[in-house]
Amino acid sequence: VSVGNVLEQQAKLAKLQQQLSSGRRILTPADDPAGAAQALQFADKISSLERLQQNANIAANRLAQEDASLEQTSNLIRRVRELSLDANNGSKTAADRRLIAAELRERFNELVQIGNGEDGNGEYLCAGTARREPPFGAVSGREIEYRGDQAERFGQVGPTRQLSVNHSGYDLFMRIPQGNGVFVTAANPGNTGSGVIDNGLVTDPSALTGHDYQVRFTTNAAGELAYLVEDVTDGAIVLPAPPAVVPDDAPAYSSGEPINVDGMSITISGTPEPGDEFSVLPATPQSLFATLDQLISVLEDAEDTPANRAQIHSTIGGVLANLDNASENILRIRAEVGSRLHAIDAEVAGNEDSTLAFKTAMSQIADLDYASAISEFQLQLVGLQAAQQ
């Protein structure tokens, strides 16, 4: 009996020593089955939250890298706009404009590099879910195509919260509205006069037809420089209004006077020549790459003639509108990125609070009360010594 008592005291003392060295009250489920089950549940929840925190960090890093790329793009657009305004200066010579085009070629290549930027894991930021292949590639010359997809990638950053962690390159660079977003104007490259067309305004949305129009210059019966507006889609002259005799009744041209047709208002300034033409077409999305290519091409082909300068002014007017649209698109996407980063911060803070609460609850169940354990250890030690004696 005395030997058994000694062994029992030694076992209790050994267990207390294990508890004191580990800081844990529950060493095996047998110590407290209910408490052990609860502690396991809390441990699972803590582990899950830690994985969510890792996901949130990855998502935040990716979005931060995307925002950095967007800032680069904004700076690039700003520089291209400055160069466009410089090239639009009437005092610039053809040689000056070719020098500007040379820098624009470098900005074009830089834009391709931004579009093909990678994250820290070697995945392309703008490729959608096809993240292992460069999303942008040349078809021929400066014609760039998007080779990724438009799918969104989502990250689980909270117990009930998923967030998109990307924008596709198509959304960023390819789907940019042209002109005023409704219609786009252009001068015929074969024009011989000095007429320049503006981007136009929508005056009556209800009257818009979405048709293709052409403004053609001629001479009317009075011998005046005049213009005709043709609805190319319907094949009908809309100015002058039927049943006027065309071109005898064509309205006389006055530089800078608005031309209003079917809910649109456009202005042509300068001195066109009979036979010159200007198009008014429904606006469709155009890539930022195509806008830069359009600008580079018109500057590289520039000659010091009134007709070429007019072509440059008309083209740059449209380019500036497209650049402003691209800048607005980048600002929109940066706002989305910022809101997602803010949401991640909120989820991270919530996850940290939950983790602390679970750890506190688990500690109350499974951790050792050192004061009580030391007191019991001393009692057991006295009991062991008494049993040994």
Protein backbone atom coordinates (compact mmCIF):
# COMPACT_ATOMS: atom_id res chain seq x y z
CA VAL A 1 0.00 0.00 0.00
CA SER A 2 2.82 2.40 0.92
CA VAL A 3 4.61 1.73 -2.40
CA GLY A 4 1.36 2.26 -4.33
CA ASN A 5 0.79 5.52 -2.48
CA VAL A 6 4.28 6.72 -3.37
CA LEU A 7 3.78 5.84 -7.03
CA GLU A 8 0.43 7.62 -7.12
CA GLN A 9 1.94 10.75 -5.60
CA GLN A 10 4.81 10.61 -8.09
CA ALA A 11 2.36 10.32 -11.03
CA LYS A 12 0.37 13.33 -9.84
CA LEU A 13 3.57 15.28 -9.33
CA ALA A 14 4.87 14.34 -12.81
CA LYS A 15 1.61 15.49 -14.41
CA LEU A 16 1.78 18.79 -12.58
CA GLN A 17 5.35 19.20 -13.76
CA GLN A 18 4.21 18.63 -17.36
CA GLN A 19 1.42 21.15 -16.96
CA LEU A 20 3.78 23.72 -15.47
CA SER A 21 6.38 23.23 -18.20
CA SER A 22 3.80 23.39 -21.06
CA GLY A 23 1.50 26.01 -19.59
CA ARG A 24 -1.47 23.81 -20.56
CA ARG A 25 -4.12 22.52 -18.19
CA ILE A 26 -5.43 19.95 -20.68
CA LEU A 27 -2.64 17.67 -21.77
CA THR A 28 -4.86 14.89 -23.13
CA PRO A 29 -8.62 14.76 -23.87
CA ALA A 30 -9.00 12.56 -20.79
CA ASP A 31 -8.08 15.52 -18.57
CA ASP A 32 -11.27 17.37 -19.60
CA PRO A 33 -13.20 15.82 -22.51
CA ALA A 34 -15.67 18.70 -22.88
CA GLY A 35 -12.97 21.36 -22.53
CA ALA A 36 -10.71 19.54 -25.01
CA ALA A 37 -13.52 19.45 -27.60
CA GLN A 38 -14.17 23.17 -27.15
CA ALA A 39 -10.45 23.96 -27.41
CA LEU A 40 -10.23 22.01 -30.69
CA GLN A 41 -13.18 23.96 -32.10
CA PHE A 42 -11.53 27.24 -31.19
CA ALA A 43 -8.21 26.07 -32.67
CA ASP A 44 -9.96 25.26 -35.98
CA LYS A 45 -11.58 28.69 -36.07
CA ILE A 46 -8.27 30.40 -35.33
CA SER A 47 -6.54 28.40 -38.07
CA SER A 48 -9.29 29.33 -40.54
CA LEU A 49 -8.96 33.02 -39.67
CA GLU A 50 -5.19 32.86 -40.10
CA ARG A 51 -5.69 31.45 -43.61
CA LEU A 52 -8.13 34.27 -44.35
CA GLN A 53 -5.53 36.77 -43.17
CA GLN A 54 -3.02 35.25 -45.59
CA ASN A 55 -5.58 35.52 -48.41
CA ALA A 56 -6.26 39.14 -47.47
CA ASN A 57 -2.55 39.98 -47.52
CA ILE A 58 -2.16 38.40 -50.97
CA ALA A 59 -5.23 40.26 -52.27
CA ALA A 60 -4.03 43.56 -50.79
CA ASN A 61 -0.56 43.15 -52.33
CA ARG A 62 -2.03 42.36 -55.73
CA LEU A 63 -4.40 45.33 -55.64
CA ALA A 64 -1.57 47.59 -54.48
CA GLN A 65 0.52 46.46 -57.45
CA GLU A 66 -2.42 47.10 -59.77
CA ASP A 67 -2.83 50.58 -58.31
CA ALA A 68 0.85 51.28 -58.93
CA SER A 69 0.40 50.23 -62.58
CA LEU A 70 -2.64 52.48 -62.86
CA GLU A 71 -0.66 55.40 -61.50
CA GLN A 72 2.03 54.75 -64.11
CA THR A 73 -0.66 54.72 -66.78
CA SER A 74 -2.14 58.00 -65.51
CA ASN A 75 1.28 59.63 -65.65
CA LEU A 76 1.81 58.26 -69.16
CA ILE A 77 -1.55 59.60 -70.37
CA ARG A 78 -0.73 62.98 -68.85
CA ARG A 79 2.59 63.08 -70.72
CA VAL A 80 0.98 62.01 -74.01
CA ARG A 81 -1.61 64.74 -73.59
CA GLU A 82 1.15 67.33 -73.08
CA LEU A 83 2.91 66.11 -76.22
CA SER A 84 -0.38 66.20 -78.16
CA LEU A 85 -1.00 69.82 -77.20
CA ASP A 86 2.59 70.66 -78.13
CA ALA A 87 2.20 69.00 -81.53
CA ASN A 88 -1.09 70.84 -82.10
CA ASN A 89 0.72 74.17 -81.88
CA GLY A 90 0.50 75.85 -85.27
CA SER A 91 4.11 77.05 -85.03
CA LYS A 92 5.49 73.50 -85.03
CA THR A 93 7.16 72.28 -88.19
CA ALA A 94 6.95 68.80 -89.66
CA ALA A 95 10.42 68.07 -88.25
CA ASP A 96 9.27 69.16 -84.78
CA ARG A 97 6.27 66.87 -84.97
CA ARG A 98 8.40 63.91 -86.01
CA LEU A 99 10.57 64.47 -82.94
CA ILE A 100 7.43 64.43 -80.81
CA ALA A 101 6.35 61.22 -82.56
CA ALA A 102 9.68 59.64 -81.61
CA GLU A 103 8.97 60.19 -77.91
CA LEU A 104 5.41 58.97 -78.39
CA ARG A 105 6.77 55.69 -79.78
CA GLU A 106 8.66 55.22 -76.51
CA ARG A 107 5.51 55.99 -74.52
CA PHE A 108 3.66 53.43 -76.66
CA ASN A 109 6.22 50.73 -75.80
CA GLU A 110 6.04 51.75 -72.15
CA LEU A 111 2.26 51.30 -72.21
CA VAL A 112 2.66 47.76 -73.56
CA GLN A 113 5.12 47.01 -70.74
CA ILE A 114 2.67 48.32 -68.14
CA GLY A 115 -0.10 46.17 -69.61
CA ASN A 116 2.17 43.12 -69.41
CA GLY A 117 3.27 43.82 -65.83
CA GLU A 118 3.63 40.90 -63.40
CA ASP A 119 2.95 40.46 -59.71
CA GLY A 120 5.43 39.00 -57.24
CA ASN A 121 4.42 35.44 -58.18
CA GLY A 122 5.24 35.79 -61.87
CA GLU A 123 1.56 36.09 -62.83
CA TYR A 124 0.36 38.81 -65.20
CA LEU A 125 -1.75 41.43 -63.47
CA CYS A 126 -4.02 42.28 -66.41
CA ALA A 127 -4.58 38.85 -67.97
CA GLY A 128 -7.72 37.87 -66.05
CA THR A 129 -7.59 34.18 -65.20
CA ALA A 130 -5.19 33.45 -68.10
CA ARG A 131 -2.42 34.79 -65.92
CA ARG A 132 0.52 32.75 -67.23
CA GLU A 133 0.67 34.36 -70.70
CA PRO A 134 1.35 38.03 -71.57
CA PRO A 135 -2.05 39.65 -72.09
CA PHE A 136 -0.94 42.11 -74.79
CA GLY A 137 0.86 41.33 -78.00
CA ALA A 138 1.41 42.92 -81.39
CA VAL A 139 -0.58 41.70 -84.38
CA SER A 140 1.39 43.81 -86.84
CA GLY A 141 3.33 47.00 -86.32
CA ARG A 142 1.67 48.95 -83.51
CA GLU A 143 -1.62 47.07 -83.70
CA ILE A 144 -2.00 45.51 -80.25
CA GLU A 145 -4.49 42.79 -79.34
CA TYR A 146 -5.65 41.57 -75.95
CA ARG A 147 -4.97 37.85 -75.43
CA GLY A 148 -6.19 37.41 -71.87
CA ASP A 149 -9.77 36.92 -70.73
CA GLN A 150 -12.24 39.18 -68.96
CA ALA A 151 -12.89 36.93 -65.97
CA GLU A 152 -12.58 38.24 -62.44
CA ARG A 153 -10.45 36.56 -59.78
CA PHE A 154 -11.89 36.50 -56.28
CA GLY A 155 -10.17 36.10 -52.93
CA GLN A 156 -11.85 34.94 -49.71
CA VAL A 157 -10.76 37.62 -47.26
CA GLY A 158 -13.38 37.14 -44.52
CA PRO A 159 -15.64 34.38 -43.24
CA THR A 160 -18.45 35.63 -45.50
CA ARG A 161 -16.61 38.08 -47.78
CA GLN A 162 -15.11 37.56 -51.22
CA LEU A 163 -13.47 40.40 -53.14
CA SER A 164 -12.37 40.74 -56.75
CA VAL A 165 -8.59 41.15 -56.85
CA ASN A 166 -8.11 42.11 -60.50
CA HIS A 167 -9.28 44.13 -63.48
CA SER A 168 -8.80 42.68 -66.93
CA GLY A 169 -6.56 44.42 -69.41
CA TYR A 170 -9.56 44.68 -71.70
CA ASP A 171 -11.37 46.81 -69.14
CA LEU A 172 -8.26 48.86 -68.44
CA PHE A 173 -6.90 49.60 -71.90
CA MET A 174 -9.18 48.30 -74.67
CA ARG A 175 -12.69 49.48 -73.85
CA ILE A 176 -12.19 53.27 -73.97
CA PRO A 177 -15.08 55.42 -75.31
CA GLN A 178 -14.24 57.60 -78.28
CA GLY A 179 -14.93 61.31 -78.63
CA ASN A 180 -17.97 62.48 -76.72
CA GLY A 181 -19.03 58.87 -76.17
CA VAL A 182 -21.96 59.09 -78.64
CA PHE A 183 -20.40 59.93 -81.98
CA VAL A 184 -16.94 60.57 -83.35
CA THR A 185 -15.82 62.96 -86.07
CA ALA A 186 -12.92 62.77 -88.51
CA ALA A 187 -11.52 64.57 -91.54
CA ASN A 188 -10.99 62.62 -94.75
CA PRO A 189 -7.21 62.10 -95.22
CA GLY A 190 -7.60 63.15 -98.87
CA ASN A 191 -8.93 66.62 -98.04
CA THR A 192 -7.09 69.47 -99.76
CA GLY A 193 -8.46 72.43 -97.78
CA SER A 194 -7.69 73.68 -94.30
CA GLY A 195 -11.00 72.68 -92.70
CA VAL A 196 -10.82 71.35 -89.13
CA ILE A 197 -13.71 69.52 -87.46
CA ASP A 198 -14.35 69.47 -83.70
CA ASN A 199 -15.59 66.55 -81.57
CA GLY A 200 -19.20 67.77 -81.60
CA LEU A 201 -21.96 67.85 -79.02
CA VAL A 202 -25.21 65.99 -78.45
CA THR A 203 -28.01 68.56 -78.48
CA ASP A 204 -31.05 66.27 -78.49
CA PRO A 205 -30.53 62.64 -77.37
CA SER A 206 -34.06 61.70 -78.48
CA ALA A 207 -33.23 62.67 -82.09
CA LEU A 208 -30.11 60.51 -82.38
CA THR A 209 -30.31 57.81 -85.04
CA GLY A 210 -26.95 56.06 -84.66
CA HIS A 211 -26.43 56.39 -88.42
CA ASP A 212 -23.25 57.21 -90.32
CA TYR A 213 -23.12 60.77 -91.67
CA GLN A 214 -20.88 62.59 -94.10
CA VAL A 215 -20.38 66.34 -94.48
CA ARG A 216 -19.36 67.03 -98.08
CA PHE A 217 -18.26 70.43 -99.40
CA THR A 218 -19.42 71.77 -102.75
CA THR A 219 -20.45 74.97 -104.47
CA ASN A 220 -24.09 76.08 -104.49
CA ALA A 221 -26.04 77.91 -107.19
CA ALA A 222 -24.84 81.25 -105.85
CA GLY A 223 -21.21 80.22 -106.30
CA GLU A 224 -20.65 80.03 -102.54
CA LEU A 225 -18.64 77.40 -100.71
CA ALA A 226 -21.39 75.19 -99.30
CA TYR A 227 -21.86 71.83 -97.65
CA LEU A 228 -24.18 68.86 -97.84
CA VAL A 229 -24.91 66.47 -94.98
CA GLU A 230 -25.67 62.94 -96.13
CA ASP A 231 -27.11 60.13 -94.01
CA VAL A 232 -24.82 57.46 -95.40
CA THR A 233 -26.81 54.68 -93.72
CA ASP A 234 -30.03 55.70 -95.50
CA GLY A 235 -28.35 57.17 -98.55
CA ALA A 236 -30.34 60.41 -98.19
CA ILE A 237 -29.34 64.07 -98.07
CA VAL A 238 -30.56 65.57 -94.78
CA LEU A 239 -29.10 69.07 -95.28
CA PRO A 240 -30.49 70.82 -97.17
CA ALA A 241 -33.83 69.32 -96.25
CA PRO A 242 -35.87 67.74 -99.08
CA PRO A 243 -37.26 68.70 -101.53
CA ALA A 244 -34.33 71.09 -102.09
CA VAL A 245 -32.34 70.72 -105.27
CA VAL A 246 -28.91 69.37 -104.38
CA PRO A 247 -26.26 70.81 -104.58
CA ASP A 248 -27.77 74.08 -105.88
CA ASP A 249 -29.58 74.66 -102.59
CA ALA A 250 -26.69 73.58 -100.35
CA PRO A 251 -26.34 75.92 -97.34
CA ALA A 252 -23.45 78.35 -97.52
CA TYR A 253 -20.51 77.51 -95.31
CA SER A 254 -19.44 79.87 -92.51
CA SER A 255 -16.30 78.97 -90.57
CA GLY A 256 -17.07 78.09 -86.95
CA GLU A 257 -20.84 78.08 -87.41
CA PRO A 258 -22.45 74.94 -85.86
CA ILE A 259 -23.96 72.39 -88.20
CA ASN A 260 -26.97 70.76 -86.50
CA VAL A 261 -28.36 67.46 -87.69
CA ASP A 262 -30.39 64.70 -86.01
CA GLY A 263 -29.63 65.69 -82.42
CA MET A 264 -25.94 66.42 -83.10
CA SER A 265 -24.03 69.65 -83.42
CA ILE A 266 -20.61 69.81 -85.08
CA THR A 267 -18.39 72.72 -85.99
CA ILE A 268 -15.99 72.99 -88.91
CA SER A 269 -13.53 75.85 -88.99
CA GLY A 270 -10.98 76.96 -91.53
CA THR A 271 -11.41 76.89 -95.30
CA PRO A 272 -12.33 73.53 -96.81
CA GLU A 273 -12.12 72.99 -100.54
CA PRO A 274 -14.99 71.68 -102.71
CA GLY A 275 -14.80 67.89 -102.56
CA ASP A 276 -13.48 67.80 -98.97
CA GLU A 277 -15.35 65.41 -96.70
CA PHE A 278 -15.79 64.94 -92.95
CA SER A 279 -17.34 61.88 -91.31
CA VAL A 280 -19.64 61.69 -88.28
CA LEU A 281 -19.91 58.09 -87.06
CA PRO A 282 -21.36 56.35 -83.98
CA ALA A 283 -18.73 56.13 -81.27
CA THR A 284 -17.35 52.69 -80.53
CA PRO A 285 -14.75 51.66 -77.92
CA GLN A 286 -11.15 52.15 -78.99
CA SER A 287 -8.06 50.93 -77.23
CA LEU A 288 -5.58 53.33 -75.70
CA PHE A 289 -2.95 51.66 -77.90
CA ALA A 290 -4.95 52.54 -81.04
CA THR A 291 -5.28 56.15 -79.88
CA LEU A 292 -1.51 56.47 -79.45
CA ASP A 293 -0.93 54.77 -82.80
CA GLN A 294 -3.35 57.20 -84.46
CA LEU A 295 -1.46 60.14 -82.99
CA ILE A 296 1.98 58.77 -83.90
CA SER A 297 0.89 58.04 -87.48
CA VAL A 298 -0.51 61.50 -88.17
CA LEU A 299 2.61 63.18 -86.75
CA GLU A 300 5.03 60.94 -88.63
CA ASP A 301 3.23 61.63 -91.92
CA ALA A 302 2.98 65.38 -91.28
CA GLU A 303 3.96 67.82 -93.99
CA ASP A 304 4.04 71.60 -93.79
CA THR A 305 0.95 72.22 -95.91
CA PRO A 306 -2.38 73.78 -94.88
CA ALA A 307 -4.21 70.54 -95.66
CA ASN A 308 -1.85 68.41 -93.57
CA ARG A 309 -1.91 70.84 -90.68
CA ALA A 310 -5.72 70.79 -90.76
CA GLN A 311 -5.63 66.96 -90.73
CA ILE A 312 -3.32 67.07 -87.72
CA HIS A 313 -5.56 69.50 -85.83
CA SER A 314 -8.69 67.41 -86.50
CA THR A 315 -6.95 64.18 -85.48
CA ILE A 316 -5.41 65.63 -82.34
CA GLY A 317 -8.78 67.04 -81.31
CA GLY A 318 -10.19 63.52 -81.34
CA VAL A 319 -7.06 62.10 -79.67
CA LEU A 320 -7.33 64.58 -76.79
CA ALA A 321 -10.95 63.57 -76.20
CA ASN A 322 -9.96 59.89 -76.25
CA LEU A 323 -7.11 60.53 -73.80
CA ASP A 324 -9.50 62.31 -71.44
CA ASN A 325 -11.85 59.32 -71.66
CA ALA A 326 -8.96 56.96 -70.93
CA SER A 327 -7.93 59.08 -67.94
CA GLU A 328 -11.48 59.00 -66.58
CA ASN A 329 -11.54 55.22 -67.02
CA ILE A 330 -8.29 54.86 -65.06
CA LEU A 331 -9.66 57.10 -62.29
CA ARG A 332 -12.81 54.96 -62.13
CA ILE A 333 -10.81 51.77 -61.79
CA ARG A 334 -8.45 53.30 -59.21
CA ALA A 335 -11.51 54.27 -57.16
CA GLU A 336 -12.67 50.63 -57.30
CA VAL A 337 -9.20 49.43 -56.26
CA GLY A 338 -9.18 51.89 -53.37
CA SER A 339 -12.61 50.75 -52.15
CA ARG A 340 -11.49 47.11 -52.29
CA LEU A 341 -8.33 47.87 -50.32
CA HIS A 342 -10.46 49.67 -47.73
CA ALA A 343 -12.76 46.65 -47.53
CA ILE A 344 -9.75 44.35 -47.05
CA ASP A 345 -8.48 46.55 -44.21
CA ALA A 346 -11.89 46.28 -42.53
CA GLU A 347 -11.93 42.50 -42.95
CA VAL A 348 -8.38 42.16 -41.62
CA ALA A 349 -9.29 44.19 -38.53
CA GLY A 350 -12.40 42.06 -38.01
CA ASN A 351 -10.41 38.85 -38.43
CA GLU A 352 -7.85 40.07 -35.88
CA ASP A 353 -10.59 40.87 -33.37
CA SER A 354 -12.20 37.46 -33.86
CA THR A 355 -8.85 35.70 -33.57
CA LEU A 356 -8.10 37.48 -30.30
CA ALA A 357 -11.53 36.58 -28.93
CA PHE A 358 -11.13 32.91 -29.85
CA LYS A 359 -7.61 32.76 -28.43
CA THR A 360 -8.83 34.32 -25.19
CA ALA A 361 -11.70 31.84 -24.92
CA MET A 362 -9.41 28.89 -25.71
CA SER A 363 -6.89 30.12 -23.16
CA GLN A 364 -9.55 30.23 -20.47
CA ILE A 365 -10.43 26.61 -21.22
CA ALA A 366 -7.07 25.00 -21.92
CA ASP A 367 -4.36 27.16 -20.32
CA LEU A 368 -3.00 26.56 -16.85
CA ASP A 369 -3.71 28.68 -13.79
CA TYR A 370 -0.10 28.93 -12.60
CA ALA A 371 -0.86 30.14 -9.07
CA SER A 372 -3.24 27.27 -8.42
CA ALA A 373 -0.96 24.74 -10.13
CA ILE A 374 2.12 25.81 -8.12
CA SER A 375 0.17 25.60 -4.88
CA GLU A 376 -1.06 22.12 -5.77
CA PHE A 377 2.46 21.11 -6.86
CA GLN A 378 3.80 22.09 -3.45
CA LEU A 379 1.05 20.12 -1.71
CA GLN A 380 1.74 17.07 -3.84
CA LEU A 381 5.45 17.40 -3.11
CA VAL A 382 4.77 17.42 0.64
CA GLY A 383 2.46 14.43 0.24
CA LEU A 384 5.12 12.53 -1.70
CA GLN A 385 7.72 13.23 0.96
CA ALA A 386 5.34 12.04 3.66
CA ALA A 387 4.55 8.87 1.72
CA GLN A 388 8.24 8.20 1.17
CA GLN A 389 8.91 8.55 4.90
